[in-house]
Amino acid sequence: VREMNRTGMLVDLSHVAPTTMRDALDTTAAPV
């Protein structure tokens, strides 16, 4: 997630578990 933020690639949370959604939102420095 952090490296996606750094490159400018959007983090897409379709298909992931709600726990993964929440973890990604806790970590990301960019919109998902």
PDB file of all heavy atoms in Angstrom:
ATOM      1  N   VAL A   1       0.840  -1.204   0.000  1.00  0.00           N
ATOM      2  CA  VAL A   1       0.000   0.000   0.000  1.00  0.00           C
ATOM      3  C   VAL A   1       0.870   1.248   0.000  1.00  0.00           C
ATOM      4  O   VAL A   1       0.634   2.199  -0.769  1.00  0.00           O
ATOM      5  CB  VAL A   1      -0.964  -0.009   1.200  1.00  0.00           C
ATOM      6  CG1 VAL A   1      -1.656   1.350   1.368  1.00  0.00           C
ATOM      7  CG2 VAL A   1      -1.997  -1.121   1.040  1.00  0.00           C
ATOM      8  N   ARG A   2       1.888   1.271   0.828  1.00  0.00           N
ATOM      9  CA  ARG A   2       2.761   2.451   0.880  1.00  0.00           C
ATOM     10  C   ARG A   2       3.475   2.685  -0.453  1.00  0.00           C
ATOM     11  O   ARG A   2       3.617   3.833  -0.895  1.00  0.00           O
ATOM     12  CB  ARG A   2       3.771   2.301   2.023  1.00  0.00           C
ATOM     13  CG  ARG A   2       3.177   2.491   3.418  1.00  0.00           C
ATOM     14  CD  ARG A   2       4.244   2.552   4.490  1.00  0.00           C
ATOM     15  NE  ARG A   2       4.778   1.231   4.775  1.00  0.00           N
ATOM     16  CZ  ARG A   2       4.309   0.418   5.740  1.00  0.00           C
ATOM     17  NH1 ARG A   2       3.288   0.811   6.504  1.00  0.00           N
ATOM     18  NH2 ARG A   2       4.852  -0.761   5.943  1.00  0.00           N
ATOM     19  N   GLU A   3       3.912   1.617  -1.090  1.00  0.00           N
ATOM     20  CA  GLU A   3       4.616   1.783  -2.359  1.00  0.00           C
ATOM     21  C   GLU A   3       3.658   2.183  -3.477  1.00  0.00           C
ATOM     22  O   GLU A   3       4.021   2.950  -4.377  1.00  0.00           O
ATOM     23  CB  GLU A   3       5.359   0.494  -2.729  1.00  0.00           C
ATOM     24  CG  GLU A   3       6.346   0.645  -3.859  1.00  0.00           C
ATOM     25  CD  GLU A   3       7.495   1.609  -3.567  1.00  0.00           C
ATOM     26  OE1 GLU A   3       7.628   2.114  -2.415  1.00  0.00           O
ATOM     27  OE2 GLU A   3       8.281   1.881  -4.497  1.00  0.00           O
ATOM     28  N   MET A   4       2.420   1.697  -3.422  1.00  0.00           N
ATOM     29  CA  MET A   4       1.415   2.162  -4.375  1.00  0.00           C
ATOM     30  C   MET A   4       1.192   3.661  -4.214  1.00  0.00           C
ATOM     31  O   MET A   4       1.114   4.403  -5.199  1.00  0.00           O
ATOM     32  CB  MET A   4       0.108   1.389  -4.189  1.00  0.00           C
ATOM     33  CG  MET A   4       0.203  -0.071  -4.604  1.00  0.00           C
ATOM     34  SD  MET A   4      -1.321  -0.992  -4.271  1.00  0.00           S
ATOM     35  CE  MET A   4      -2.407  -0.327  -5.541  1.00  0.00           C
ATOM     36  N   ASN A   5       1.100   4.114  -2.979  1.00  0.00           N
ATOM     37  CA  ASN A   5       0.969   5.556  -2.719  1.00  0.00           C
ATOM     38  C   ASN A   5       2.139   6.323  -3.321  1.00  0.00           C
ATOM     39  O   ASN A   5       1.956   7.381  -3.935  1.00  0.00           O
ATOM     40  CB  ASN A   5       0.938   5.832  -1.219  1.00  0.00           C
ATOM     41  CG  ASN A   5      -0.295   5.363  -0.489  1.00  0.00           C
ATOM     42  OD1 ASN A   5      -0.293   5.291   0.737  1.00  0.00           O
ATOM     43  ND2 ASN A   5      -1.357   5.029  -1.198  1.00  0.00           N
ATOM     44  N   ARG A   6       3.344   5.808  -3.141  1.00  0.00           N
ATOM     45  CA  ARG A   6       4.539   6.515  -3.603  1.00  0.00           C
ATOM     46  C   ARG A   6       4.600   6.587  -5.129  1.00  0.00           C
ATOM     47  O   ARG A   6       5.048   7.588  -5.699  1.00  0.00           O
ATOM     48  CB  ARG A   6       5.802   5.837  -3.054  1.00  0.00           C
ATOM     49  CG  ARG A   6       7.069   6.690  -3.107  1.00  0.00           C
ATOM     50  CD  ARG A   6       8.313   5.849  -2.909  1.00  0.00           C
ATOM     51  NE  ARG A   6       8.467   4.922  -4.020  1.00  0.00           N
ATOM     52  CZ  ARG A   6       8.997   5.244  -5.196  1.00  0.00           C
ATOM     53  NH1 ARG A   6       9.465   6.458  -5.407  1.00  0.00           N
ATOM     54  NH2 ARG A   6       9.085   4.350  -6.159  1.00  0.00           N
ATOM     55  N   THR A   7       4.150   5.537  -5.802  1.00  0.00           N
ATOM     56  CA  THR A   7       4.189   5.549  -7.271  1.00  0.00           C
ATOM     57  C   THR A   7       3.035   6.353  -7.868  1.00  0.00           C
ATOM     58  O   THR A   7       3.129   6.809  -9.009  1.00  0.00           O
ATOM     59  CB  THR A   7       4.119   4.127  -7.847  1.00  0.00           C
ATOM     60  OG1 THR A   7       2.872   3.530  -7.477  1.00  0.00           O
ATOM     61  CG2 THR A   7       5.265   3.264  -7.361  1.00  0.00           C
ATOM     62  N   GLY A   8       1.933   6.483  -7.138  1.00  0.00           N
ATOM     63  CA  GLY A   8       0.747   7.130  -7.688  1.00  0.00           C
ATOM     64  C   GLY A   8      -0.280   6.156  -8.206  1.00  0.00           C
ATOM     65  O   GLY A   8      -1.202   6.540  -8.923  1.00  0.00           O
ATOM     66  N   MET A   9      -0.146   4.881  -7.832  1.00  0.00           N
ATOM     67  CA  MET A   9      -1.123   3.873  -8.228  1.00  0.00           C
ATOM     68  C   MET A   9      -2.224   3.808  -7.168  1.00  0.00           C
ATOM     69  O   MET A   9      -1.948   3.624  -5.980  1.00  0.00           O
ATOM     70  CB  MET A   9      -0.460   2.503  -8.388  1.00  0.00           C
ATOM     71  CG  MET A   9      -1.372   1.447  -9.005  1.00  0.00           C
ATOM     72  SD  MET A   9      -0.598  -0.195  -9.132  1.00  0.00           S
ATOM     73  CE  MET A   9       0.656   0.085 -10.374  1.00  0.00           C
ATOM     74  N   LEU A  10      -3.463   3.970  -7.599  1.00  0.00           N
ATOM     75  CA  LEU A  10      -4.585   3.935  -6.667  1.00  0.00           C
ATOM     76  C   LEU A  10      -4.723   2.557  -6.017  1.00  0.00           C
ATOM     77  O   LEU A  10      -4.623   1.523  -6.687  1.00  0.00           O
ATOM     78  CB  LEU A  10      -5.885   4.279  -7.390  1.00  0.00           C
ATOM     79  CG  LEU A  10      -6.060   5.740  -7.803  1.00  0.00           C
ATOM     80  CD1 LEU A  10      -7.128   5.850  -8.891  1.00  0.00           C
ATOM     81  CD2 LEU A  10      -6.449   6.598  -6.599  1.00  0.00           C
ATOM     82  N   VAL A  11      -4.973   2.557  -4.720  1.00  0.00           N
ATOM     83  CA  VAL A  11      -5.250   1.331  -3.980  1.00  0.00           C
ATOM     84  C   VAL A  11      -6.737   1.007  -4.162  1.00  0.00           C
ATOM     85  O   VAL A  11      -7.601   1.778  -3.745  1.00  0.00           O
ATOM     86  CB  VAL A  11      -4.911   1.505  -2.491  1.00  0.00           C
ATOM     87  CG1 VAL A  11      -5.311   0.275  -1.688  1.00  0.00           C
ATOM     88  CG2 VAL A  11      -3.425   1.814  -2.309  1.00  0.00           C
ATOM     89  N   ASP A  12      -7.011  -0.131  -4.804  1.00  0.00           N
ATOM     90  CA  ASP A  12      -8.394  -0.534  -5.074  1.00  0.00           C
ATOM     91  C   ASP A  12      -8.799  -1.598  -4.058  1.00  0.00           C
ATOM     92  O   ASP A  12      -8.160  -2.658  -3.961  1.00  0.00           O
ATOM     93  CB  ASP A  12      -8.507  -1.073  -6.506  1.00  0.00           C
ATOM     94  CG  ASP A  12      -9.911  -1.565  -6.844  1.00  0.00           C
ATOM     95  OD1 ASP A  12     -10.862  -1.227  -6.112  1.00  0.00           O
ATOM     96  OD2 ASP A  12     -10.042  -2.297  -7.843  1.00  0.00           O
ATOM     97  N   LEU A  13      -9.874  -1.335  -3.325  1.00  0.00           N
ATOM     98  CA  LEU A  13     -10.307  -2.220  -2.243  1.00  0.00           C
ATOM     99  C   LEU A  13     -11.514  -3.061  -2.608  1.00  0.00           C
ATOM    100  O   LEU A  13     -12.099  -3.715  -1.735  1.00  0.00           O
ATOM    101  CB  LEU A  13     -10.578  -1.393  -0.982  1.00  0.00           C
ATOM    102  CG  LEU A  13      -9.358  -0.637  -0.449  1.00  0.00           C
ATOM    103  CD1 LEU A  13      -9.715   0.144   0.802  1.00  0.00           C
ATOM    104  CD2 LEU A  13      -8.201  -1.591  -0.171  1.00  0.00           C
ATOM    105  N   SER A  14     -11.920  -3.100  -3.875  1.00  0.00           N
ATOM    106  CA  SER A  14     -12.905  -4.101  -4.280  1.00  0.00           C
ATOM    107  C   SER A  14     -12.285  -5.487  -4.100  1.00  0.00           C
ATOM    108  O   SER A  14     -11.073  -5.656  -4.224  1.00  0.00           O
ATOM    109  CB  SER A  14     -13.314  -3.895  -5.742  1.00  0.00           C
ATOM    110  OG  SER A  14     -14.156  -2.777  -5.872  1.00  0.00           O
ATOM    111  N   HIS A  15     -13.121  -6.454  -3.798  1.00  0.00           N
ATOM    112  CA  HIS A  15     -12.726  -7.861  -3.629  1.00  0.00           C
ATOM    113  C   HIS A  15     -12.053  -8.163  -2.299  1.00  0.00           C
ATOM    114  O   HIS A  15     -11.909  -9.336  -1.959  1.00  0.00           O
ATOM    115  CB  HIS A  15     -11.807  -8.346  -4.763  1.00  0.00           C
ATOM    116  CG  HIS A  15     -12.518  -8.724  -6.009  1.00  0.00           C
ATOM    117  ND1 HIS A  15     -13.275  -9.881  -6.120  1.00  0.00           N
ATOM    118  CD2 HIS A  15     -12.600  -8.101  -7.200  1.00  0.00           C
ATOM    119  CE1 HIS A  15     -13.782  -9.958  -7.337  1.00  0.00           C
ATOM    120  NE2 HIS A  15     -13.403  -8.878  -8.015  1.00  0.00           N
ATOM    121  N   VAL A  16     -11.610  -7.168  -1.544  1.00  0.00           N
ATOM    122  CA  VAL A  16     -10.858  -7.495  -0.328  1.00  0.00           C
ATOM    123  C   VAL A  16     -11.798  -7.631   0.867  1.00  0.00           C
ATOM    124  O   VAL A  16     -12.917  -7.114   0.884  1.00  0.00           O
ATOM    125  CB  VAL A  16      -9.757  -6.453  -0.031  1.00  0.00           C
ATOM    126  CG1 VAL A  16      -8.868  -6.251  -1.249  1.00  0.00           C
ATOM    127  CG2 VAL A  16     -10.324  -5.124   0.455  1.00  0.00           C
ATOM    128  N   ALA A  17     -11.315  -8.337   1.882  1.00  0.00           N
ATOM    129  CA  ALA A  17     -12.081  -8.504   3.113  1.00  0.00           C
ATOM    130  C   ALA A  17     -12.231  -7.164   3.827  1.00  0.00           C
ATOM    131  O   ALA A  17     -11.376  -6.282   3.709  1.00  0.00           O
ATOM    132  CB  ALA A  17     -11.368  -9.496   4.020  1.00  0.00           C
ATOM    133  N   PRO A  18     -13.300  -6.983   4.595  1.00  0.00           N
ATOM    134  CA  PRO A  18     -13.445  -5.743   5.355  1.00  0.00           C
ATOM    135  C   PRO A  18     -12.239  -5.443   6.250  1.00  0.00           C
ATOM    136  O   PRO A  18     -11.872  -4.278   6.425  1.00  0.00           O
ATOM    137  CB  PRO A  18     -14.712  -5.983   6.181  1.00  0.00           C
ATOM    138  CG  PRO A  18     -15.524  -6.917   5.338  1.00  0.00           C
ATOM    139  CD  PRO A  18     -14.511  -7.825   4.703  1.00  0.00           C
ATOM    140  N   THR A  19     -11.606  -6.471   6.801  1.00  0.00           N
ATOM    141  CA  THR A  19     -10.408  -6.243   7.612  1.00  0.00           C
ATOM    142  C   THR A  19      -9.287  -5.654   6.759  1.00  0.00           C
ATOM    143  O   THR A  19      -8.525  -4.790   7.227  1.00  0.00           O
ATOM    144  CB  THR A  19      -9.939  -7.557   8.247  1.00  0.00           C
ATOM    145  OG1 THR A  19      -9.866  -8.573   7.226  1.00  0.00           O
ATOM    146  CG2 THR A  19     -10.881  -8.007   9.351  1.00  0.00           C
ATOM    147  N   THR A  20      -9.183  -6.114   5.510  1.00  0.00           N
ATOM    148  CA  THR A  20      -8.176  -5.571   4.599  1.00  0.00           C
ATOM    149  C   THR A  20      -8.510  -4.134   4.239  1.00  0.00           C
ATOM    150  O   THR A  20      -7.629  -3.276   4.141  1.00  0.00           O
ATOM    151  CB  THR A  20      -8.079  -6.444   3.339  1.00  0.00           C
ATOM    152  OG1 THR A  20      -7.829  -7.799   3.725  1.00  0.00           O
ATOM    153  CG2 THR A  20      -6.971  -5.974   2.412  1.00  0.00           C
ATOM    154  N   MET A  21      -9.804  -3.857   4.010  1.00  0.00           N
ATOM    155  CA  MET A  21     -10.225  -2.483   3.736  1.00  0.00           C
ATOM    156  C   MET A  21      -9.765  -1.560   4.853  1.00  0.00           C
ATOM    157  O   MET A  21      -9.187  -0.484   4.613  1.00  0.00           O
ATOM    158  CB  MET A  21     -11.754  -2.403   3.625  1.00  0.00           C
ATOM    159  CG  MET A  21     -12.387  -3.196   2.519  1.00  0.00           C
ATOM    160  SD  MET A  21     -14.223  -3.089   2.633  1.00  0.00           S
ATOM    161  CE  MET A  21     -14.711  -4.389   1.485  1.00  0.00           C
ATOM    162  N   ARG A  22     -10.029  -1.976   6.089  1.00  0.00           N
ATOM    163  CA  ARG A  22      -9.722  -1.119   7.239  1.00  0.00           C
ATOM    164  C   ARG A  22      -8.218  -0.959   7.412  1.00  0.00           C
ATOM    165  O   ARG A  22      -7.726   0.144   7.705  1.00  0.00           O
ATOM    166  CB  ARG A  22     -10.377  -1.689   8.497  1.00  0.00           C
ATOM    167  CG  ARG A  22     -11.910  -1.710   8.401  1.00  0.00           C
ATOM    168  CD  ARG A  22     -12.572  -2.386   9.580  1.00  0.00           C
ATOM    169  NE  ARG A  22     -14.009  -2.556   9.328  1.00  0.00           N
ATOM    170  CZ  ARG A  22     -14.652  -3.716   9.317  1.00  0.00           C
ATOM    171  NH1 ARG A  22     -13.990  -4.851   9.577  1.00  0.00           N
ATOM    172  NH2 ARG A  22     -15.948  -3.770   9.054  1.00  0.00           N
ATOM    173  N   ASP A  23      -7.473  -2.055   7.234  1.00  0.00           N
ATOM    174  CA  ASP A  23      -6.013  -1.958   7.338  1.00  0.00           C
ATOM    175  C   ASP A  23      -5.453  -1.008   6.275  1.00  0.00           C
ATOM    176  O   ASP A  23      -4.555  -0.195   6.558  1.00  0.00           O
ATOM    177  CB  ASP A  23      -5.374  -3.338   7.160  1.00  0.00           C
ATOM    178  CG  ASP A  23      -5.390  -4.164   8.432  1.00  0.00           C
ATOM    179  OD1 ASP A  23      -5.845  -3.664   9.477  1.00  0.00           O
ATOM    180  OD2 ASP A  23      -4.936  -5.324   8.382  1.00  0.00           O
ATOM    181  N   ALA A  24      -5.958  -1.128   5.053  1.00  0.00           N
ATOM    182  CA  ALA A  24      -5.466  -0.259   3.975  1.00  0.00           C
ATOM    183  C   ALA A  24      -5.779   1.205   4.277  1.00  0.00           C
ATOM    184  O   ALA A  24      -4.939   2.090   4.067  1.00  0.00           O
ATOM    185  CB  ALA A  24      -6.073  -0.673   2.648  1.00  0.00           C
ATOM    186  N   LEU A  25      -6.977   1.470   4.788  1.00  0.00           N
ATOM    187  CA  LEU A  25      -7.345   2.846   5.128  1.00  0.00           C
ATOM    188  C   LEU A  25      -6.488   3.381   6.275  1.00  0.00           C
ATOM    189  O   LEU A  25      -6.175   4.575   6.325  1.00  0.00           O
ATOM    190  CB  LEU A  25      -8.830   2.919   5.487  1.00  0.00           C
ATOM    191  CG  LEU A  25      -9.781   2.862   4.285  1.00  0.00           C
ATOM    192  CD1 LEU A  25     -11.205   2.571   4.743  1.00  0.00           C
ATOM    193  CD2 LEU A  25      -9.740   4.166   3.492  1.00  0.00           C
ATOM    194  N   ASP A  26      -6.078   2.498   7.185  1.00  0.00           N
ATOM    195  CA  ASP A  26      -5.211   2.924   8.279  1.00  0.00           C
ATOM    196  C   ASP A  26      -3.812   3.283   7.783  1.00  0.00           C
ATOM    197  O   ASP A  26      -3.121   4.103   8.409  1.00  0.00           O
ATOM    198  CB  ASP A  26      -5.085   1.808   9.325  1.00  0.00           C
ATOM    199  CG  ASP A  26      -6.353   1.608  10.141  1.00  0.00           C
ATOM    200  OD1 ASP A  26      -7.212   2.516  10.146  1.00  0.00           O
ATOM    201  OD2 ASP A  26      -6.484   0.536  10.768  1.00  0.00           O
ATOM    202  N   THR A  27      -3.387   2.693   6.677  1.00  0.00           N
ATOM    203  CA  THR A  27      -2.004   2.841   6.202  1.00  0.00           C
ATOM    204  C   THR A  27      -1.855   3.866   5.095  1.00  0.00           C
ATOM    205  O   THR A  27      -0.851   4.581   5.014  1.00  0.00           O
ATOM    206  CB  THR A  27      -1.477   1.476   5.707  1.00  0.00           C
ATOM    207  OG1 THR A  27      -1.434   0.580   6.824  1.00  0.00           O
ATOM    208  CG2 THR A  27      -0.085   1.585   5.093  1.00  0.00           C
ATOM    209  N   THR A  28      -2.830   3.960   4.229  1.00  0.00           N
ATOM    210  CA  THR A  28      -2.670   4.760   3.017  1.00  0.00           C
ATOM    211  C   THR A  28      -2.477   6.245   3.308  1.00  0.00           C
ATOM    212  O   THR A  28      -3.081   6.799   4.222  1.00  0.00           O
ATOM    213  CB  THR A  28      -3.870   4.557   2.066  1.00  0.00           C
ATOM    214  OG1 THR A  28      -3.624   5.227   0.828  1.00  0.00           O
ATOM    215  CG2 THR A  28      -5.168   5.096   2.677  1.00  0.00           C
ATOM    216  N   ALA A  29      -1.643   6.865   2.480  1.00  0.00           N
ATOM    217  CA  ALA A  29      -1.455   8.312   2.518  1.00  0.00           C
ATOM    218  C   ALA A  29      -2.126   8.990   1.334  1.00  0.00           C
ATOM    219  O   ALA A  29      -1.932  10.186   1.118  1.00  0.00           O
ATOM    220  CB  ALA A  29       0.040   8.637   2.519  1.00  0.00           C
ATOM    221  N   ALA A  30      -2.912   8.227   0.588  1.00  0.00           N
ATOM    222  CA  ALA A  30      -3.599   8.753  -0.596  1.00  0.00           C
ATOM    223  C   ALA A  30      -5.017   8.201  -0.622  1.00  0.00           C
ATOM    224  O   ALA A  30      -5.317   7.200   0.036  1.00  0.00           O
ATOM    225  CB  ALA A  30      -2.851   8.340  -1.869  1.00  0.00           C
ATOM    226  N   PRO A  31      -5.902   8.824  -1.372  1.00  0.00           N
ATOM    227  CA  PRO A  31      -7.263   8.291  -1.477  1.00  0.00           C
ATOM    228  C   PRO A  31      -7.276   6.886  -2.087  1.00  0.00           C
ATOM    229  O   PRO A  31      -6.440   6.550  -2.939  1.00  0.00           O
ATOM    230  CB  PRO A  31      -7.963   9.288  -2.410  1.00  0.00           C
ATOM    231  CG  PRO A  31      -7.155  10.528  -2.324  1.00  0.00           C
ATOM    232  CD  PRO A  31      -5.741  10.082  -2.116  1.00  0.00           C
ATOM    233  N   VAL A  32      -8.221   6.082  -1.654  1.00  0.00           N
ATOM    234  CA  VAL A  32      -8.436   4.740  -2.201  1.00  0.00           C
ATOM    235  C   VAL A  32      -9.655   4.770  -3.123  1.00  0.00           C
ATOM    236  O   VAL A  32     -10.415   5.746  -3.153  1.00  0.00           O
ATOM    237  CB  VAL A  32      -8.659   3.702  -1.086  1.00  0.00           C
ATOM    238  CG1 VAL A  32      -7.488   3.689  -0.113  1.00  0.00           C
ATOM    239  CG2 VAL A  32      -9.982   3.958  -0.347  1.00  0.00           C
TER     240      VAL A  32
END
